[in-house]
Amino acid sequence: MAHTADLETAALATARDLMSVAFDDEFSDDDWDHALGGMHALLWDGPNLIAHGAVGQRRLIIDGRPLRAGYVEAMAVHPDHQRKGHGGAIMAALERIVRGGYDLGALSASEEGQGLYEARGWQLWKGPSSVLAPGGVERTEDDDGSIYVLPVAVALDLSGEIVCDWRPGDVW
């Protein structure tokens, strides 16, 4: 575990490269930027980075309440090392940070990752999703069905509206 500020440039570049491999080059620079500025969990096999995930703070609005969310980003396991428990190890480290410092955890899951999150107790958000964009609240229908939350300090109605703060690239 290390904060972005404490990671060497080479380690960050290696983690960025892992994202490209794990997501078949569909992981944008904006996606990577979202992973910076918080805590990173890295799993190395000698000189090879085989798994990575990050958690940073975001504001989510649920039932009209702004909540501090530990938002999981850039969670991936190298394809040669998947289904060996490495994703669970990374998530355990990130969940410790979420439980210790946030009202809830949140993430946007790929179809491949949903089983991991569900097995760890993350809950699918069933209500509508939106973003607080520069012009006001805008629906993000394409993200419905991919947002997961980990309740920590607040009870959540998973059928209500969830609103995230604005950012470049994928808002969720």
N, C-alpha and C. Protein backbone atom coordinates (compact mmCIF):
# COMPACT_ATOMS: atom_id res chain seq x y z
N MET A 1 0.85 -1.18 0.00
CA MET A 1 0.00 0.00 0.00
C MET A 1 0.89 1.23 0.00
N ALA A 2 0.52 2.18 -0.84
CA ALA A 2 1.26 3.43 -0.88
C ALA A 2 0.38 4.52 -1.48
N HIS A 3 0.59 5.72 -1.02
CA HIS A 3 -0.07 6.87 -1.61
C HIS A 3 0.62 7.20 -2.93
N THR A 4 -0.14 7.79 -3.85
CA THR A 4 0.44 8.19 -5.14
C THR A 4 1.74 8.97 -4.93
N ALA A 5 1.77 9.86 -3.96
CA ALA A 5 2.94 10.70 -3.72
C ALA A 5 4.17 9.90 -3.31
N ASP A 6 3.95 8.71 -2.79
CA ASP A 6 5.06 7.89 -2.30
C ASP A 6 5.52 6.84 -3.30
N LEU A 7 4.87 6.75 -4.44
CA LEU A 7 5.27 5.78 -5.45
C LEU A 7 6.26 6.39 -6.43
N GLU A 8 7.26 5.62 -6.77
CA GLU A 8 8.23 6.08 -7.76
C GLU A 8 7.57 6.15 -9.13
N THR A 9 8.10 7.00 -9.97
CA THR A 9 7.59 7.17 -11.33
C THR A 9 7.55 5.84 -12.07
N ALA A 10 8.58 5.01 -11.89
CA ALA A 10 8.63 3.71 -12.59
C ALA A 10 7.50 2.80 -12.13
N ALA A 11 7.17 2.81 -10.85
CA ALA A 11 6.08 1.96 -10.34
C ALA A 11 4.74 2.43 -10.90
N LEU A 12 4.55 3.74 -10.98
CA LEU A 12 3.31 4.26 -11.55
C LEU A 12 3.21 3.92 -13.03
N ALA A 13 4.32 4.02 -13.75
CA ALA A 13 4.32 3.67 -15.18
C ALA A 13 4.02 2.19 -15.37
N THR A 14 4.55 1.35 -14.50
CA THR A 14 4.29 -0.08 -14.58
C THR A 14 2.81 -0.37 -14.31
N ALA A 15 2.24 0.32 -13.34
CA ALA A 15 0.81 0.14 -13.04
C ALA A 15 -0.04 0.61 -14.22
N ARG A 16 0.35 1.72 -14.83
CA ARG A 16 -0.39 2.21 -16.00
C ARG A 16 -0.33 1.20 -17.14
N ASP A 17 0.85 0.60 -17.34
CA ASP A 17 1.00 -0.42 -18.38
C ASP A 17 0.13 -1.64 -18.10
N LEU A 18 0.03 -2.02 -16.82
CA LEU A 18 -0.81 -3.16 -16.44
C LEU A 18 -2.26 -2.89 -16.83
N MET A 19 -2.73 -1.66 -16.66
CA MET A 19 -4.10 -1.31 -17.03
C MET A 19 -4.33 -1.53 -18.52
N SER A 20 -3.36 -1.15 -19.33
CA SER A 20 -3.49 -1.33 -20.79
C SER A 20 -3.60 -2.80 -21.15
N VAL A 21 -2.79 -3.63 -20.51
CA VAL A 21 -2.82 -5.07 -20.78
C VAL A 21 -4.13 -5.67 -20.29
N ALA A 22 -4.52 -5.37 -19.06
CA ALA A 22 -5.70 -5.98 -18.46
C ALA A 22 -7.00 -5.54 -19.13
N PHE A 23 -7.02 -4.32 -19.64
CA PHE A 23 -8.24 -3.80 -20.27
C PHE A 23 -8.13 -3.72 -21.79
N ASP A 24 -7.26 -4.52 -22.37
CA ASP A 24 -7.12 -4.60 -23.83
C ASP A 24 -7.02 -3.22 -24.48
N ASP A 25 -6.17 -2.38 -23.94
CA ASP A 25 -5.94 -1.03 -24.47
C ASP A 25 -7.20 -0.16 -24.47
N GLU A 26 -8.17 -0.47 -23.64
CA GLU A 26 -9.38 0.35 -23.54
C GLU A 26 -9.43 1.10 -22.21
N PHE A 27 -8.26 1.38 -21.68
CA PHE A 27 -8.13 2.12 -20.43
C PHE A 27 -7.48 3.45 -20.80
N SER A 28 -8.24 4.53 -20.71
CA SER A 28 -7.79 5.83 -21.21
C SER A 28 -6.88 6.55 -20.22
N ASP A 29 -6.26 7.61 -20.70
CA ASP A 29 -5.46 8.45 -19.82
C ASP A 29 -6.33 9.10 -18.75
N ASP A 30 -7.57 9.46 -19.10
CA ASP A 30 -8.50 9.98 -18.08
C ASP A 30 -8.77 8.92 -17.02
N ASP A 31 -8.96 7.67 -17.44
CA ASP A 31 -9.18 6.58 -16.48
C ASP A 31 -8.00 6.50 -15.51
N TRP A 32 -6.79 6.59 -16.05
CA TRP A 32 -5.60 6.51 -15.21
C TRP A 32 -5.52 7.72 -14.27
N ASP A 33 -5.84 8.89 -14.79
CA ASP A 33 -5.82 10.10 -13.97
C ASP A 33 -6.76 9.96 -12.77
N HIS A 34 -7.87 9.28 -12.96
CA HIS A 34 -8.83 9.08 -11.86
C HIS A 34 -8.24 8.24 -10.73
N ALA A 35 -7.24 7.43 -11.05
CA ALA A 35 -6.63 6.55 -10.05
C ALA A 35 -5.55 7.24 -9.23
N LEU A 36 -5.17 8.44 -9.62
CA LEU A 36 -4.07 9.14 -8.96
C LEU A 36 -4.56 10.04 -7.83
N GLY A 37 -3.73 10.20 -6.82
CA GLY A 37 -4.04 11.10 -5.72
C GLY A 37 -4.56 10.43 -4.47
N GLY A 38 -4.70 9.11 -4.52
CA GLY A 38 -5.17 8.38 -3.34
C GLY A 38 -4.21 7.26 -3.00
N MET A 39 -4.76 6.21 -2.41
CA MET A 39 -3.97 5.06 -1.99
C MET A 39 -4.00 3.97 -3.07
N HIS A 40 -2.85 3.34 -3.26
CA HIS A 40 -2.70 2.27 -4.24
C HIS A 40 -2.35 0.98 -3.50
N ALA A 41 -2.94 -0.12 -3.94
CA ALA A 41 -2.54 -1.46 -3.51
C ALA A 41 -1.87 -2.11 -4.71
N LEU A 42 -0.67 -2.60 -4.52
CA LEU A 42 0.10 -3.21 -5.60
C LEU A 42 0.57 -4.58 -5.16
N LEU A 43 0.48 -5.55 -6.05
CA LEU A 43 0.93 -6.91 -5.76
C LEU A 43 1.99 -7.27 -6.80
N TRP A 44 3.20 -7.52 -6.30
CA TRP A 44 4.34 -7.80 -7.15
C TRP A 44 4.72 -9.27 -7.06
N ASP A 45 5.17 -9.83 -8.15
CA ASP A 45 5.80 -11.15 -8.19
C ASP A 45 7.22 -10.88 -8.68
N GLY A 46 8.13 -10.69 -7.73
CA GLY A 46 9.47 -10.25 -8.09
C GLY A 46 9.38 -8.88 -8.72
N PRO A 47 9.95 -8.69 -9.91
CA PRO A 47 9.90 -7.38 -10.56
C PRO A 47 8.62 -7.12 -11.34
N ASN A 48 7.72 -8.10 -11.39
CA ASN A 48 6.50 -8.00 -12.20
C ASN A 48 5.29 -7.60 -11.36
N LEU A 49 4.65 -6.53 -11.77
CA LEU A 49 3.40 -6.12 -11.12
C LEU A 49 2.29 -6.98 -11.68
N ILE A 50 1.60 -7.72 -10.79
CA ILE A 50 0.56 -8.62 -11.27
C ILE A 50 -0.85 -8.16 -10.91
N ALA A 51 -0.97 -7.20 -9.99
CA ALA A 51 -2.30 -6.69 -9.64
C ALA A 51 -2.16 -5.29 -9.05
N HIS A 52 -3.19 -4.49 -9.28
CA HIS A 52 -3.20 -3.11 -8.80
C HIS A 52 -4.64 -2.66 -8.59
N GLY A 53 -4.84 -1.79 -7.65
CA GLY A 53 -6.09 -1.09 -7.44
C GLY A 53 -5.81 0.18 -6.67
N ALA A 54 -6.68 1.16 -6.80
CA ALA A 54 -6.52 2.42 -6.09
C ALA A 54 -7.85 2.84 -5.50
N VAL A 55 -7.78 3.64 -4.46
CA VAL A 55 -8.98 4.21 -3.87
C VAL A 55 -8.71 5.68 -3.57
N GLY A 56 -9.65 6.52 -3.98
CA GLY A 56 -9.56 7.95 -3.72
C GLY A 56 -10.91 8.48 -3.30
N GLN A 57 -10.93 9.70 -2.80
CA GLN A 57 -12.18 10.28 -2.33
C GLN A 57 -12.97 10.92 -3.45
N ARG A 58 -14.27 10.66 -3.45
CA ARG A 58 -15.23 11.34 -4.31
C ARG A 58 -16.44 11.72 -3.47
N ARG A 59 -17.19 12.68 -3.95
CA ARG A 59 -18.46 13.03 -3.33
C ARG A 59 -19.58 12.39 -4.13
N LEU A 60 -20.41 11.62 -3.45
CA LEU A 60 -21.63 11.08 -4.04
C LEU A 60 -22.81 11.69 -3.30
N ILE A 61 -23.88 11.94 -4.02
CA ILE A 61 -25.11 12.46 -3.41
C ILE A 61 -26.13 11.34 -3.47
N ILE A 62 -26.59 10.94 -2.30
CA ILE A 62 -27.58 9.87 -2.17
C ILE A 62 -28.68 10.38 -1.25
N ASP A 63 -29.92 10.31 -1.71
CA ASP A 63 -31.05 10.83 -0.94
C ASP A 63 -30.82 12.28 -0.53
N GLY A 64 -30.21 13.06 -1.40
CA GLY A 64 -29.97 14.46 -1.12
C GLY A 64 -28.82 14.73 -0.16
N ARG A 65 -28.13 13.68 0.29
CA ARG A 65 -27.02 13.83 1.23
C ARG A 65 -25.69 13.69 0.51
N PRO A 66 -24.79 14.67 0.63
CA PRO A 66 -23.45 14.48 0.08
C PRO A 66 -22.66 13.57 1.02
N LEU A 67 -22.09 12.51 0.45
CA LEU A 67 -21.36 11.53 1.26
C LEU A 67 -19.93 11.39 0.74
N ARG A 68 -19.00 11.14 1.67
CA ARG A 68 -17.61 10.86 1.30
C ARG A 68 -17.51 9.41 0.88
N ALA A 69 -17.14 9.19 -0.37
CA ALA A 69 -17.02 7.82 -0.87
C ALA A 69 -15.56 7.50 -1.16
N GLY A 70 -15.14 6.34 -0.72
CA GLY A 70 -13.86 5.79 -1.15
C GLY A 70 -14.13 5.11 -2.47
N TYR A 71 -13.67 5.71 -3.56
CA TYR A 71 -14.00 5.24 -4.90
C TYR A 71 -12.86 4.41 -5.46
N VAL A 72 -13.14 3.17 -5.80
CA VAL A 72 -12.13 2.24 -6.30
C VAL A 72 -11.92 2.47 -7.80
N GLU A 73 -10.66 2.58 -8.17
CA GLU A 73 -10.27 2.84 -9.55
C GLU A 73 -9.14 1.89 -9.96
N ALA A 74 -8.98 1.71 -11.24
CA ALA A 74 -7.82 1.00 -11.82
C ALA A 74 -7.56 -0.33 -11.13
N MET A 75 -8.63 -1.09 -10.92
CA MET A 75 -8.54 -2.42 -10.30
C MET A 75 -8.34 -3.44 -11.41
N ALA A 76 -7.19 -4.12 -11.39
CA ALA A 76 -6.92 -5.10 -12.45
C ALA A 76 -5.89 -6.12 -11.99
N VAL A 77 -6.02 -7.30 -12.55
CA VAL A 77 -5.04 -8.38 -12.37
C VAL A 77 -4.54 -8.76 -13.76
N HIS A 78 -3.25 -8.94 -13.88
CA HIS A 78 -2.68 -9.33 -15.17
C HIS A 78 -3.38 -10.60 -15.64
N PRO A 79 -3.72 -10.69 -16.93
CA PRO A 79 -4.45 -11.86 -17.44
C PRO A 79 -3.77 -13.21 -17.12
N ASP A 80 -2.46 -13.26 -17.04
CA ASP A 80 -1.76 -14.50 -16.73
C ASP A 80 -1.87 -14.91 -15.27
N HIS A 81 -2.42 -14.03 -14.43
CA HIS A 81 -2.47 -14.29 -12.99
C HIS A 81 -3.89 -14.22 -12.42
N GLN A 82 -4.89 -14.20 -13.28
CA GLN A 82 -6.27 -14.10 -12.81
C GLN A 82 -6.76 -15.43 -12.24
N ARG A 83 -7.79 -15.32 -11.40
CA ARG A 83 -8.46 -16.47 -10.77
C ARG A 83 -7.54 -17.21 -9.79
N LYS A 84 -6.64 -16.45 -9.15
CA LYS A 84 -5.72 -17.03 -8.17
C LYS A 84 -5.81 -16.32 -6.82
N GLY A 85 -6.82 -15.47 -6.65
CA GLY A 85 -7.01 -14.77 -5.39
C GLY A 85 -6.34 -13.40 -5.31
N HIS A 86 -5.65 -13.00 -6.36
CA HIS A 86 -4.93 -11.72 -6.31
C HIS A 86 -5.89 -10.53 -6.29
N GLY A 87 -6.98 -10.62 -7.03
CA GLY A 87 -7.97 -9.55 -7.01
C GLY A 87 -8.58 -9.38 -5.63
N GLY A 88 -8.84 -10.49 -4.97
CA GLY A 88 -9.37 -10.44 -3.61
C GLY A 88 -8.38 -9.82 -2.64
N ALA A 89 -7.11 -10.10 -2.82
CA ALA A 89 -6.08 -9.51 -1.94
C ALA A 89 -6.02 -8.00 -2.13
N ILE A 90 -6.08 -7.56 -3.38
CA ILE A 90 -6.07 -6.11 -3.64
C ILE A 90 -7.31 -5.47 -3.04
N MET A 91 -8.47 -6.09 -3.26
CA MET A 91 -9.71 -5.52 -2.74
C MET A 91 -9.71 -5.49 -1.21
N ALA A 92 -9.16 -6.50 -0.56
CA ALA A 92 -9.11 -6.49 0.91
C ALA A 92 -8.32 -5.28 1.41
N ALA A 93 -7.23 -4.97 0.75
CA ALA A 93 -6.42 -3.82 1.15
C ALA A 93 -7.19 -2.51 0.92
N LEU A 94 -7.85 -2.40 -0.22
CA LEU A 94 -8.62 -1.19 -0.51
C LEU A 94 -9.82 -1.05 0.40
N GLU A 95 -10.48 -2.16 0.71
CA GLU A 95 -11.65 -2.12 1.59
C GLU A 95 -11.27 -1.69 3.01
N ARG A 96 -10.07 -2.01 3.44
CA ARG A 96 -9.60 -1.56 4.76
C ARG A 96 -9.55 -0.03 4.78
N ILE A 97 -9.07 0.56 3.70
CA ILE A 97 -9.02 2.02 3.59
C ILE A 97 -10.44 2.59 3.55
N VAL A 98 -11.31 1.99 2.76
CA VAL A 98 -12.69 2.46 2.65
C VAL A 98 -13.38 2.41 4.01
N ARG A 99 -13.27 1.30 4.69
CA ARG A 99 -13.96 1.14 5.98
C ARG A 99 -13.40 2.08 7.05
N GLY A 100 -12.13 2.41 6.94
CA GLY A 100 -11.50 3.26 7.94
C GLY A 100 -11.66 4.75 7.72
N GLY A 101 -12.10 5.17 6.53
CA GLY A 101 -12.10 6.60 6.29
C GLY A 101 -13.26 7.19 5.52
N TYR A 102 -14.24 6.37 5.16
CA TYR A 102 -15.30 6.88 4.27
C TYR A 102 -16.69 6.46 4.75
N ASP A 103 -17.70 7.17 4.24
CA ASP A 103 -19.09 6.82 4.54
C ASP A 103 -19.52 5.55 3.80
N LEU A 104 -18.93 5.35 2.61
CA LEU A 104 -19.24 4.17 1.80
C LEU A 104 -18.13 4.00 0.78
N GLY A 105 -18.09 2.81 0.21
CA GLY A 105 -17.24 2.54 -0.93
C GLY A 105 -18.10 2.53 -2.17
N ALA A 106 -17.50 2.83 -3.32
CA ALA A 106 -18.23 2.79 -4.58
C ALA A 106 -17.25 2.48 -5.70
N LEU A 107 -17.79 1.93 -6.78
CA LEU A 107 -16.98 1.63 -7.96
C LEU A 107 -17.90 1.36 -9.13
N SER A 108 -17.33 1.43 -10.31
CA SER A 108 -18.03 1.06 -11.53
C SER A 108 -17.36 -0.20 -12.04
N ALA A 109 -18.11 -1.28 -12.12
CA ALA A 109 -17.55 -2.60 -12.42
C ALA A 109 -17.69 -2.96 -13.89
N SER A 110 -16.65 -3.60 -14.40
CA SER A 110 -16.77 -4.25 -15.70
C SER A 110 -17.59 -5.53 -15.49
N GLU A 111 -18.12 -6.08 -16.57
CA GLU A 111 -18.86 -7.34 -16.43
C GLU A 111 -17.98 -8.43 -15.84
N GLU A 112 -16.70 -8.45 -16.21
CA GLU A 112 -15.78 -9.47 -15.71
C GLU A 112 -15.53 -9.33 -14.22
N GLY A 113 -15.61 -8.12 -13.69
CA GLY A 113 -15.30 -7.89 -12.28
C GLY A 113 -16.47 -8.02 -11.34
N GLN A 114 -17.69 -8.06 -11.86
CA GLN A 114 -18.87 -8.04 -10.99
C GLN A 114 -18.90 -9.19 -9.99
N GLY A 115 -18.51 -10.38 -10.41
CA GLY A 115 -18.53 -11.52 -9.51
C GLY A 115 -17.61 -11.34 -8.31
N LEU A 116 -16.44 -10.78 -8.54
CA LEU A 116 -15.49 -10.52 -7.45
C LEU A 116 -16.11 -9.59 -6.43
N TYR A 117 -16.69 -8.49 -6.89
CA TYR A 117 -17.25 -7.50 -5.97
C TYR A 117 -18.45 -8.06 -5.21
N GLU A 118 -19.33 -8.77 -5.91
CA GLU A 118 -20.49 -9.36 -5.24
C GLU A 118 -20.07 -10.36 -4.18
N ALA A 119 -19.07 -11.18 -4.48
CA ALA A 119 -18.59 -12.17 -3.51
C ALA A 119 -18.00 -11.51 -2.27
N ARG A 120 -17.55 -10.27 -2.39
CA ARG A 120 -16.94 -9.56 -1.26
C ARG A 120 -17.96 -8.69 -0.52
N GLY A 121 -19.22 -8.76 -0.90
CA GLY A 121 -20.25 -8.01 -0.19
C GLY A 121 -20.61 -6.66 -0.78
N TRP A 122 -20.02 -6.31 -1.90
CA TRP A 122 -20.41 -5.07 -2.58
C TRP A 122 -21.81 -5.29 -3.15
N GLN A 123 -22.61 -4.23 -3.14
CA GLN A 123 -24.01 -4.34 -3.56
C GLN A 123 -24.26 -3.52 -4.82
N LEU A 124 -24.97 -4.12 -5.76
CA LEU A 124 -25.31 -3.44 -7.00
C LEU A 124 -26.30 -2.32 -6.71
N TRP A 125 -26.00 -1.13 -7.22
CA TRP A 125 -26.93 -0.01 -7.10
C TRP A 125 -28.04 -0.23 -8.11
N LYS A 126 -29.29 -0.27 -7.64
CA LYS A 126 -30.42 -0.61 -8.51
C LYS A 126 -31.19 0.60 -9.00
N GLY A 127 -30.94 1.75 -8.41
CA GLY A 127 -31.64 2.96 -8.81
C GLY A 127 -30.93 3.67 -9.95
N PRO A 128 -31.48 4.80 -10.36
CA PRO A 128 -30.88 5.56 -11.46
C PRO A 128 -29.59 6.25 -11.03
N SER A 129 -28.68 6.38 -12.00
CA SER A 129 -27.41 7.07 -11.75
C SER A 129 -27.39 8.37 -12.53
N SER A 130 -26.69 9.36 -11.95
CA SER A 130 -26.56 10.67 -12.58
C SER A 130 -25.21 11.25 -12.22
N VAL A 131 -24.89 12.36 -12.87
CA VAL A 131 -23.67 13.11 -12.56
C VAL A 131 -24.06 14.56 -12.34
N LEU A 132 -23.38 15.21 -11.39
CA LEU A 132 -23.56 16.64 -11.17
C LEU A 132 -22.61 17.35 -12.13
N ALA A 133 -23.09 17.57 -13.35
CA ALA A 133 -22.30 18.16 -14.44
C ALA A 133 -22.28 19.68 -14.29
N PRO A 134 -21.42 20.35 -15.05
CA PRO A 134 -21.38 21.82 -14.98
C PRO A 134 -22.74 22.48 -15.22
N GLY A 135 -23.60 21.85 -16.02
CA GLY A 135 -24.92 22.41 -16.30
C GLY A 135 -26.01 21.92 -15.37
N GLY A 136 -25.68 21.12 -14.37
CA GLY A 136 -26.66 20.57 -13.45
C GLY A 136 -26.65 19.05 -13.48
N VAL A 137 -27.60 18.45 -12.82
CA VAL A 137 -27.67 16.99 -12.73
C VAL A 137 -28.10 16.41 -14.08
N GLU A 138 -27.32 15.45 -14.58
CA GLU A 138 -27.62 14.77 -15.84
C GLU A 138 -27.62 13.27 -15.61
N ARG A 139 -28.61 12.59 -16.17
CA ARG A 139 -28.70 11.12 -16.06
C ARG A 139 -27.53 10.47 -16.78
N THR A 140 -27.09 9.35 -16.24
CA THR A 140 -26.03 8.54 -16.85
C THR A 140 -26.55 7.12 -17.03
N GLU A 141 -27.58 6.98 -17.87
CA GLU A 141 -28.26 5.70 -18.05
C GLU A 141 -27.31 4.57 -18.42
N ASP A 142 -26.29 4.87 -19.21
CA ASP A 142 -25.36 3.83 -19.64
C ASP A 142 -24.60 3.20 -18.47
N ASP A 143 -24.56 3.89 -17.34
CA ASP A 143 -23.85 3.37 -16.17
C ASP A 143 -24.77 2.59 -15.22
N ASP A 144 -26.08 2.69 -15.42
CA ASP A 144 -27.00 1.92 -14.59
C ASP A 144 -26.66 0.44 -14.72
N GLY A 145 -26.65 -0.26 -13.61
CA GLY A 145 -26.37 -1.69 -13.63
C GLY A 145 -24.89 -2.04 -13.52
N SER A 146 -24.02 -1.03 -13.38
CA SER A 146 -22.59 -1.32 -13.23
C SER A 146 -21.99 -0.68 -11.98
N ILE A 147 -22.79 0.05 -11.23
CA ILE A 147 -22.28 0.74 -10.04
C ILE A 147 -22.53 -0.14 -8.81
N TYR A 148 -21.47 -0.32 -8.04
CA TYR A 148 -21.53 -1.10 -6.81
C TYR A 148 -21.15 -0.22 -5.64
N VAL A 149 -21.76 -0.49 -4.50
CA VAL A 149 -21.45 0.26 -3.29
C VAL A 149 -21.16 -0.72 -2.15
N LEU A 150 -20.39 -0.23 -1.20
CA LEU A 150 -20.08 -0.96 0.02
C LEU A 150 -20.48 -0.06 1.18
N PRO A 151 -21.66 -0.28 1.75
CA PRO A 151 -22.09 0.57 2.87
C PRO A 151 -21.13 0.43 4.05
N VAL A 152 -20.80 1.57 4.64
CA VAL A 152 -19.89 1.57 5.79
C VAL A 152 -20.54 2.28 6.97
N ALA A 153 -20.77 3.58 6.83
CA ALA A 153 -21.25 4.38 7.96
C ALA A 153 -22.68 4.86 7.81
N VAL A 154 -23.33 4.51 6.70
CA VAL A 154 -24.68 4.99 6.45
C VAL A 154 -25.53 3.86 5.87
N ALA A 155 -26.82 3.89 6.19
CA ALA A 155 -27.76 2.97 5.55
C ALA A 155 -28.10 3.54 4.18
N LEU A 156 -28.21 2.67 3.19
CA LEU A 156 -28.46 3.11 1.82
C LEU A 156 -29.70 2.44 1.25
N ASP A 157 -30.52 3.23 0.56
CA ASP A 157 -31.63 2.70 -0.22
C ASP A 157 -31.10 2.51 -1.63
N LEU A 158 -30.81 1.28 -2.00
CA LEU A 158 -30.17 0.99 -3.28
C LEU A 158 -31.06 1.26 -4.49
N SER A 159 -32.32 1.59 -4.25
CA SER A 159 -33.23 1.87 -5.37
C SER A 159 -33.37 3.37 -5.64
N GLY A 160 -32.76 4.21 -4.81
CA GLY A 160 -32.84 5.65 -5.00
C GLY A 160 -31.85 6.13 -6.05
N GLU A 161 -31.81 7.44 -6.24
CA GLU A 161 -30.87 8.02 -7.20
C GLU A 161 -29.50 8.18 -6.55
N ILE A 162 -28.46 7.90 -7.32
CA ILE A 162 -27.09 8.13 -6.89
C ILE A 162 -26.46 9.10 -7.89
N VAL A 163 -25.81 10.13 -7.36
CA VAL A 163 -25.22 11.18 -8.18
C VAL A 163 -23.75 11.30 -7.83
N CYS A 164 -22.90 11.28 -8.86
CA CYS A 164 -21.47 11.46 -8.63
C CYS A 164 -21.04 12.86 -9.01
N ASP A 165 -19.86 13.24 -8.53
CA ASP A 165 -19.28 14.52 -8.91
C ASP A 165 -18.72 14.43 -10.34
N TRP A 166 -18.59 15.59 -10.98
CA TRP A 166 -18.12 15.67 -12.36
C TRP A 166 -16.61 15.46 -12.44
N ARG A 167 -16.18 14.83 -13.52
CA ARG A 167 -14.77 14.70 -13.84
C ARG A 167 -14.64 14.41 -15.33
N PRO A 168 -13.48 14.68 -15.92
CA PRO A 168 -13.29 14.38 -17.35
C PRO A 168 -13.32 12.89 -17.60
N GLY A 169 -13.65 12.49 -18.83
CA GLY A 169 -13.69 11.07 -19.18
C GLY A 169 -14.93 10.41 -18.63
N ASP A 170 -14.82 9.12 -18.30
CA ASP A 170 -15.95 8.40 -17.71
C ASP A 170 -16.23 8.98 -16.33
N VAL A 171 -17.45 9.46 -16.13
CA VAL A 171 -17.75 10.07 -14.83
C VAL A 171 -17.91 9.04 -13.72
N TRP A 172 -18.32 7.83 -14.08
CA TRP A 172 -18.41 6.76 -13.08
C TRP A 172 -17.19 5.90 -13.14
